[in-house]
Amino acid sequence: MANPKRFLLLLLLFASHFTAHAQVTPVEGDFLARDFKFESGETLPELRLHYRTLGTLRKDASGQVRNAVLIMHGTGGTGAQFVSRTFAGVLFGAGQLLDATKYFIVLPDAIGHGKSSKPSDGLRMKFPRYNYNDMVAAQHRLLTEHLGVNHLRLVTGTSMGGMHTWVWGEKYPDFMDALMPLASLPVMIAGRNRMLRRMIMDSIKNDPDWQNGEYKTQPLRGLTQAQYGLLVMTSIPLQLQKQAPTREQADKLFDDRVRAAVAGKDANDMLYYFDASRDYDPSPLLEKITAPLVAINSADDQVNPPELGIAEREIKRVKRGRFILIPISDQTRGHGTHSLPELWQQHLAALLKETERP
């Protein structure tokens, strides 16, 4: 007969493992926003927003939600990217900063992305020409009309999601306790950033196989050239030199990355991804942001290079704003540092402590 104490210990270990795993297992769903009107004046009878949630919604005695956290992904991504060992494994586990047994975490797929409504569903280039304001408005409707969230403990996001965080702070200044935009700037996209986005979009549109969006098979030349621009846009010189220190290694890494990046991509969806940033510019309304805000960038981010000095200049206009620049190191990953909370979680901890309610 098995040792009962040993059996009990094994059972407890299994239960502990199961509980820890359950904390980062999302519940998926869809919300249909009826008669959604875009800033362009276009409408959709039904706009589908896919989402993932972790945890349980909790309200205080007055009926206000106190534990909801909104995390928004970057261009071309989905909410699924945050359910990973390097993100959820650092933040959502038992005793961690955004412990999913305490917080209600919402991970939406933005308009045009993932399992949300997008051009490749069938409308192609007839899909409404959405922008960042539309994407944020749709997320607000998801929270308030479908998930029952009337207040957010924290709004944060990476890259495009970081830019959406600035928009959230301006459009709904009383809706959150704290804001933490990652890998973003609160100004119009211009200069090299805009040129690289044009490079990506023009590569697709200039491919004869694109056929004004009515292609029967993906325009691979345009998609491939678009990935060239995207690779430069998000490249990490230090890490690439370490990964590919010879010409042969660099060529192989380049070929492998481009091939993997093109696989499964839809040209119209990608075109819309980058076009959506065309009129992004929260700078005129930064004084409207009232919640404490901590903006975090990394020194090796080629999308938001620190030498521009933009973040340091604009953060002065945010009443309760701070800017943190993470120094370049062997641990940073350029623009992708936004998805490595082990490098910035101490700043999140300070923000959460600062905005605790009694």
Protein backbone atom coordinates (compact mmCIF):
# COMPACT_ATOMS: atom_id res chain seq x y z
CA MET A 1 0.00 0.00 0.00
CA ALA A 2 1.29 3.47 -0.92
CA ASN A 3 2.52 5.77 1.83
CA PRO A 4 -0.52 8.00 2.63
CA LYS A 5 1.69 10.96 3.60
CA ARG A 6 3.61 10.71 0.33
CA PHE A 7 0.32 10.46 -1.59
CA LEU A 8 -1.03 13.57 0.19
CA LEU A 9 2.17 15.49 -0.62
CA LEU A 10 1.92 14.57 -4.30
CA LEU A 11 -1.74 15.61 -4.32
CA LEU A 12 -0.88 18.99 -2.79
CA LEU A 13 1.92 19.52 -5.31
CA PHE A 14 -0.46 18.71 -8.17
CA ALA A 15 -3.12 21.07 -6.79
CA SER A 16 -0.53 23.84 -6.43
CA HIS A 17 0.64 23.33 -10.04
CA PHE A 18 -2.95 23.28 -11.33
CA THR A 19 -3.87 26.46 -9.45
CA ALA A 20 -0.81 28.32 -10.74
CA HIS A 21 -1.60 27.21 -14.30
CA ALA A 22 -5.28 28.17 -13.99
CA GLN A 23 -4.33 31.73 -13.11
CA VAL A 24 -2.93 32.29 -16.59
CA THR A 25 -5.53 30.36 -18.55
CA PRO A 26 -7.76 32.92 -20.28
CA VAL A 27 -11.48 32.77 -20.95
CA GLU A 28 -12.18 33.84 -24.55
CA GLY A 29 -15.25 35.55 -25.93
CA ASP A 30 -16.67 37.88 -28.55
CA PHE A 31 -18.61 41.13 -28.29
CA LEU A 32 -20.72 42.48 -31.15
CA ALA A 33 -20.82 46.27 -31.08
CA ARG A 34 -24.00 47.14 -32.95
CA ASP A 35 -24.11 50.00 -35.48
CA PHE A 36 -20.53 51.01 -34.86
CA LYS A 37 -19.73 54.39 -36.39
CA PHE A 38 -16.13 55.15 -37.31
CA GLU A 39 -14.58 58.61 -37.29
CA SER A 40 -14.43 58.41 -41.09
CA GLY A 41 -18.25 58.42 -41.12
CA GLU A 42 -18.38 54.77 -42.21
CA THR A 43 -20.42 52.28 -40.21
CA LEU A 44 -20.66 48.55 -39.58
CA PRO A 45 -23.96 46.97 -38.48
CA GLU A 46 -21.89 44.65 -36.28
CA LEU A 47 -18.29 45.11 -35.21
CA ARG A 48 -16.87 41.97 -33.59
CA LEU A 49 -14.32 42.37 -30.83
CA HIS A 50 -12.60 39.24 -29.61
CA TYR A 51 -11.12 39.24 -26.12
CA ARG A 52 -9.54 37.17 -23.38
CA THR A 53 -10.06 37.65 -19.67
CA LEU A 54 -8.34 36.29 -16.61
CA GLY A 55 -9.68 36.48 -13.08
CA THR A 56 -12.99 37.63 -11.63
CA LEU A 57 -14.56 41.08 -11.74
CA ARG A 58 -15.03 42.67 -8.31
CA LYS A 59 -16.98 45.77 -7.28
CA ASP A 60 -16.94 47.89 -4.14
CA ALA A 61 -19.99 48.78 -2.03
CA SER A 62 -20.91 51.60 -4.40
CA GLY A 63 -20.91 49.27 -7.43
CA GLN A 64 -17.66 50.56 -8.92
CA VAL A 65 -15.23 48.00 -10.33
CA ARG A 66 -11.92 48.13 -8.50
CA ASN A 67 -9.77 45.35 -9.94
CA ALA A 68 -10.02 45.58 -13.75
CA VAL A 69 -6.83 45.89 -15.82
CA LEU A 70 -6.77 46.59 -19.57
CA ILE A 71 -3.67 45.49 -21.53
CA MET A 72 -3.48 46.35 -25.25
CA HIS A 73 -1.23 44.78 -27.88
CA GLY A 74 0.92 46.26 -30.62
CA THR A 75 0.53 46.59 -34.38
CA GLY A 76 -0.23 43.21 -35.94
CA GLY A 77 -0.47 41.46 -32.58
CA THR A 78 -3.30 40.02 -30.49
CA GLY A 79 -4.21 39.77 -26.84
CA ALA A 80 -2.91 36.19 -26.88
CA GLN A 81 0.68 37.45 -26.84
CA PHE A 82 0.36 38.41 -23.18
CA VAL A 83 -0.50 34.86 -22.07
CA SER A 84 3.10 33.73 -22.21
CA ARG A 85 5.85 32.63 -19.87
CA THR A 86 7.76 35.90 -20.29
CA PHE A 87 4.72 38.14 -19.69
CA ALA A 88 1.95 36.30 -17.82
CA GLY A 89 4.58 34.20 -16.07
CA VAL A 90 6.11 37.36 -14.60
CA LEU A 91 2.95 39.37 -13.85
CA PHE A 92 -0.19 37.21 -13.55
CA GLY A 93 0.89 34.41 -11.21
CA ALA A 94 0.10 34.00 -7.52
CA GLY A 95 1.68 36.81 -5.51
CA GLN A 96 2.83 38.69 -8.62
CA LEU A 97 1.96 42.31 -9.42
CA LEU A 98 -1.16 41.56 -11.47
CA ASP A 99 -2.09 38.33 -9.71
CA ALA A 100 -5.01 36.90 -11.72
CA THR A 101 -6.69 35.69 -8.52
CA LYS A 102 -7.00 39.34 -7.46
CA TYR A 103 -7.32 41.24 -10.72
CA PHE A 104 -9.72 41.00 -13.66
CA ILE A 105 -7.41 41.25 -16.67
CA VAL A 106 -8.82 42.10 -20.11
CA LEU A 107 -6.77 41.33 -23.23
CA PRO A 108 -8.68 42.46 -26.35
CA ASP A 109 -7.85 41.90 -30.00
CA ALA A 110 -8.02 45.42 -31.46
CA ILE A 111 -10.13 46.23 -34.52
CA GLY A 112 -8.46 44.72 -37.58
CA HIS A 113 -6.45 42.22 -35.55
CA GLY A 114 -6.66 38.60 -34.44
CA LYS A 115 -10.21 37.29 -34.23
CA SER A 116 -11.81 40.76 -34.24
CA SER A 117 -13.46 42.19 -37.37
CA LYS A 118 -10.89 42.88 -40.08
CA PRO A 119 -10.59 43.39 -43.86
CA SER A 120 -9.71 39.76 -44.57
CA ASP A 121 -13.07 38.62 -43.19
CA GLY A 122 -14.53 39.51 -46.59
CA LEU A 123 -14.88 43.27 -47.03
CA ARG A 124 -11.24 43.69 -48.07
CA MET A 125 -10.57 47.36 -48.95
CA LYS A 126 -14.25 48.15 -48.37
CA PHE A 127 -13.69 47.62 -44.65
CA PRO A 128 -14.06 50.94 -42.79
CA ARG A 129 -10.81 52.87 -42.59
CA TYR A 130 -10.41 52.69 -38.83
CA ASN A 131 -7.99 54.75 -36.75
CA TYR A 132 -6.66 54.67 -33.20
CA ASN A 133 -9.60 56.65 -31.82
CA ASP A 134 -11.98 54.05 -33.26
CA MET A 135 -9.96 51.24 -31.72
CA VAL A 136 -10.08 52.84 -28.26
CA ALA A 137 -13.80 53.65 -28.55
CA ALA A 138 -14.50 50.01 -29.42
CA GLN A 139 -12.50 48.82 -26.41
CA HIS A 140 -14.49 51.18 -24.19
CA ARG A 141 -17.73 49.70 -25.48
CA LEU A 142 -16.43 46.18 -24.91
CA LEU A 143 -15.68 47.01 -21.28
CA THR A 144 -18.80 49.00 -20.44
CA GLU A 145 -21.50 47.32 -22.54
CA HIS A 146 -20.35 43.71 -22.41
CA LEU A 147 -17.96 43.02 -19.54
CA GLY A 148 -19.57 45.32 -16.97
CA VAL A 149 -16.40 47.31 -16.31
CA ASN A 150 -17.16 50.87 -15.21
CA HIS A 151 -13.66 51.67 -13.94
CA LEU A 152 -10.12 50.44 -14.58
CA ARG A 153 -7.43 49.95 -11.99
CA LEU A 154 -4.79 50.19 -14.72
CA VAL A 155 -4.57 50.89 -18.44
CA THR A 156 -1.40 49.75 -20.16
CA GLY A 157 -0.23 48.57 -23.57
CA THR A 158 2.77 47.86 -25.76
CA SER A 159 3.78 49.87 -28.85
CA MET A 160 0.46 50.60 -30.58
CA GLY A 161 -1.18 49.60 -27.30
CA GLY A 162 1.06 52.14 -25.59
CA MET A 163 -0.20 54.82 -27.97
CA HIS A 164 -3.75 53.70 -27.24
CA THR A 165 -2.97 54.18 -23.54
CA TRP A 166 -2.30 57.89 -24.13
CA VAL A 167 -5.59 58.14 -26.06
CA TRP A 168 -7.45 56.38 -23.22
CA GLY A 169 -6.08 58.91 -20.74
CA GLU A 170 -7.41 61.80 -22.81
CA LYS A 171 -10.76 60.38 -23.96
CA TYR A 172 -11.78 58.88 -20.61
CA PRO A 173 -9.70 60.70 -17.96
CA ASP A 174 -11.86 59.62 -15.00
CA PHE A 175 -12.12 55.97 -16.04
CA MET A 176 -8.82 54.71 -14.61
CA ASP A 177 -6.60 54.92 -11.55
CA ALA A 178 -3.31 54.66 -13.44
CA LEU A 179 -1.78 54.61 -16.93
CA MET A 180 1.42 52.98 -18.15
CA PRO A 181 2.20 53.36 -21.87
CA LEU A 182 5.10 51.16 -23.00
CA ALA A 183 7.33 51.80 -26.05
CA SER A 184 5.44 54.79 -27.40
CA LEU A 185 5.47 58.57 -27.78
CA PRO A 186 2.52 60.96 -27.32
CA VAL A 187 3.01 62.86 -30.59
CA MET A 188 2.15 62.62 -34.27
CA ILE A 189 4.00 59.85 -36.09
CA ALA A 190 6.48 61.68 -38.31
CA GLY A 191 10.10 61.58 -39.43
CA ARG A 192 11.72 58.16 -39.82
CA ASN A 193 8.82 56.41 -38.10
CA ARG A 194 6.32 57.69 -40.67
CA MET A 195 8.69 56.96 -43.55
CA LEU A 196 9.08 53.35 -42.48
CA ARG A 197 5.31 52.97 -42.24
CA ARG A 198 5.00 54.40 -45.75
CA MET A 199 7.65 51.93 -46.90
CA ILE A 200 5.55 49.07 -45.53
CA MET A 201 2.25 50.31 -46.98
CA ASP A 202 3.67 51.32 -50.36
CA SER A 203 5.43 47.96 -50.75
CA ILE A 204 2.03 46.26 -50.65
CA LYS A 205 0.16 48.76 -52.81
CA ASN A 206 2.90 48.89 -55.46
CA ASP A 207 2.84 45.13 -56.01
CA PRO A 208 0.77 44.53 -59.21
CA ASP A 209 -0.49 41.29 -57.63
CA TRP A 210 -2.21 43.31 -54.89
CA GLN A 211 -4.88 44.32 -57.45
CA ASN A 212 -6.29 47.12 -55.28
CA GLY A 213 -6.98 44.58 -52.57
CA GLU A 214 -8.87 42.11 -54.76
CA TYR A 215 -6.09 39.52 -55.02
CA LYS A 216 -6.87 35.81 -55.30
CA THR A 217 -3.56 34.81 -53.71
CA GLN A 218 -1.42 36.89 -51.36
CA PRO A 219 0.85 39.44 -53.11
CA LEU A 220 4.06 37.88 -51.86
CA ARG A 221 6.45 40.40 -53.39
CA GLY A 222 4.70 43.26 -51.64
CA LEU A 223 4.38 41.39 -48.35
CA THR A 224 8.06 40.41 -48.47
CA GLN A 225 9.21 43.96 -49.15
CA ALA A 226 6.92 45.20 -46.37
CA GLN A 227 8.68 42.84 -43.98
CA TYR A 228 12.02 44.33 -45.02
CA GLY A 229 10.80 47.70 -43.76
CA LEU A 230 9.33 46.21 -40.60
CA LEU A 231 12.58 44.36 -39.85
CA VAL A 232 14.54 47.62 -40.04
CA MET A 233 11.88 49.41 -37.99
CA THR A 234 12.06 47.01 -35.05
CA SER A 235 15.68 45.89 -35.36
CA ILE A 236 18.07 45.67 -32.40
CA PRO A 237 21.65 46.39 -33.57
CA LEU A 238 23.35 44.99 -30.48
CA GLN A 239 21.35 41.76 -30.42
CA LEU A 240 21.50 41.21 -34.18
CA GLN A 241 25.27 41.60 -34.14
CA LYS A 242 25.50 39.01 -31.36
CA GLN A 243 23.11 36.61 -33.10
CA ALA A 244 24.70 36.96 -36.53
CA PRO A 245 28.38 37.91 -36.23
CA THR A 246 29.27 36.66 -39.73
CA ARG A 247 27.93 37.44 -43.19
CA GLU A 248 26.64 33.89 -43.63
CA GLN A 249 24.85 33.94 -40.30
CA ALA A 250 23.32 37.33 -41.04
CA ASP A 251 22.02 36.14 -44.41
CA LYS A 252 20.50 33.00 -42.89
CA LEU A 253 18.89 34.91 -40.00
CA PHE A 254 17.48 37.46 -42.45
CA ASP A 255 16.02 34.78 -44.75
CA ASP A 256 14.55 32.82 -41.85
CA ARG A 257 12.93 35.86 -40.24
CA VAL A 258 11.41 37.21 -43.44
CA ARG A 259 10.08 33.79 -44.45
CA ALA A 260 8.48 33.26 -41.05
CA ALA A 261 7.08 36.82 -40.95
CA VAL A 262 5.38 36.55 -44.35
CA ALA A 263 3.77 33.17 -43.64
CA GLY A 264 0.08 33.47 -42.87
CA LYS A 265 -0.06 37.27 -43.31
CA ASP A 266 -2.88 39.01 -45.15
CA ALA A 267 -1.81 42.04 -47.21
CA ASN A 268 -4.99 44.08 -46.69
CA ASP A 269 -4.97 43.48 -42.94
CA MET A 270 -1.33 44.59 -42.78
CA LEU A 271 -2.04 47.67 -44.86
CA TYR A 272 -4.83 48.67 -42.47
CA TYR A 273 -2.61 48.00 -39.41
CA PHE A 274 -0.19 50.71 -40.41
CA ASP A 275 -2.66 53.10 -41.98
CA ALA A 276 -4.57 53.27 -38.67
CA SER A 277 -1.81 55.42 -37.14
CA ARG A 278 -2.15 58.12 -39.81
CA ASP A 279 -3.84 60.75 -37.59
CA TYR A 280 -2.62 59.66 -34.18
CA ASP A 281 -1.55 62.74 -32.21
CA PRO A 282 -2.43 63.02 -28.51
CA SER A 283 -0.04 65.95 -27.98
CA PRO A 284 -2.63 68.78 -28.13
CA LEU A 285 -4.64 67.28 -25.25
CA LEU A 286 -2.00 65.97 -22.84
CA GLU A 287 -3.21 68.33 -20.11
CA LYS A 288 -6.50 66.40 -20.06
CA ILE A 289 -4.77 63.36 -18.55
CA THR A 290 -5.41 63.42 -14.81
CA ALA A 291 -4.57 59.87 -13.67
CA PRO A 292 -0.96 59.17 -12.64
CA LEU A 293 0.97 58.09 -15.73
CA VAL A 294 4.35 56.39 -16.05
CA ALA A 295 5.68 56.16 -19.62
CA ILE A 296 8.46 53.63 -20.20
CA ASN A 297 10.76 53.33 -23.22
CA SER A 298 14.09 51.57 -23.72
CA ALA A 299 17.28 53.20 -24.96
CA ASP A 300 17.74 50.69 -27.81
CA ASP A 301 14.23 51.18 -29.24
CA GLN A 302 14.65 52.04 -32.92
CA VAL A 303 10.97 53.00 -33.23
CA ASN A 304 11.16 55.59 -30.44
CA PRO A 305 14.85 56.55 -30.34
CA PRO A 306 15.81 58.44 -27.17
CA GLU A 307 17.87 61.04 -29.01
CA LEU A 308 14.64 62.68 -30.18
CA GLY A 309 14.00 63.92 -26.64
CA ILE A 310 10.26 63.88 -27.27
CA ALA A 311 9.19 61.91 -24.21
CA GLU A 312 11.18 64.12 -21.83
CA ARG A 313 9.63 67.24 -23.38
CA GLU A 314 6.02 66.11 -23.54
CA ILE A 315 5.80 64.41 -20.14
CA LYS A 316 6.12 67.84 -18.50
CA ARG A 317 2.61 68.60 -19.75
CA VAL A 318 1.08 65.57 -17.99
CA LYS A 319 0.00 66.70 -14.52
CA ARG A 320 1.01 63.50 -12.74
CA GLY A 321 3.30 62.05 -15.37
CA ARG A 322 6.78 60.51 -15.23
CA PHE A 323 9.04 59.18 -17.96
CA ILE A 324 11.49 56.33 -17.49
CA LEU A 325 14.14 55.33 -20.01
CA ILE A 326 15.51 51.83 -19.50
CA PRO A 327 19.25 51.79 -20.32
CA ILE A 328 20.48 49.49 -23.06
CA SER A 329 21.84 46.19 -21.74
CA ASP A 330 22.27 42.55 -22.67
CA GLN A 331 18.75 42.00 -21.33
CA THR A 332 16.92 44.71 -23.30
CA ARG A 333 15.45 43.79 -26.68
CA GLY A 334 14.93 47.13 -28.40
CA HIS A 335 11.31 47.88 -29.16
CA GLY A 336 10.45 44.41 -27.86
CA THR A 337 11.55 45.35 -24.33
CA HIS A 338 7.91 46.35 -23.85
CA SER A 339 7.00 42.66 -23.58
CA LEU A 340 9.63 41.81 -20.97
CA PRO A 341 8.09 42.94 -17.66
CA GLU A 342 11.03 41.57 -15.70
CA LEU A 343 12.87 44.70 -16.94
CA TRP A 344 10.22 47.24 -15.88
CA GLN A 345 8.03 45.61 -13.27
CA GLN A 346 9.59 47.65 -10.46
CA HIS A 347 8.12 50.78 -12.06
CA LEU A 348 4.72 49.11 -12.33
CA ALA A 349 4.95 48.17 -8.66
CA ALA A 350 5.66 51.80 -7.72
CA LEU A 351 2.73 53.03 -9.85
CA LEU A 352 0.31 50.53 -8.32
CA LYS A 353 1.44 51.47 -4.81
CA GLU A 354 1.12 55.19 -5.58
CA THR A 355 -2.47 54.72 -6.76
CA GLU A 356 -3.68 52.34 -4.06
CA ARG A 357 -7.02 53.21 -2.54
CA PRO A 358 -7.47 53.08 1.24
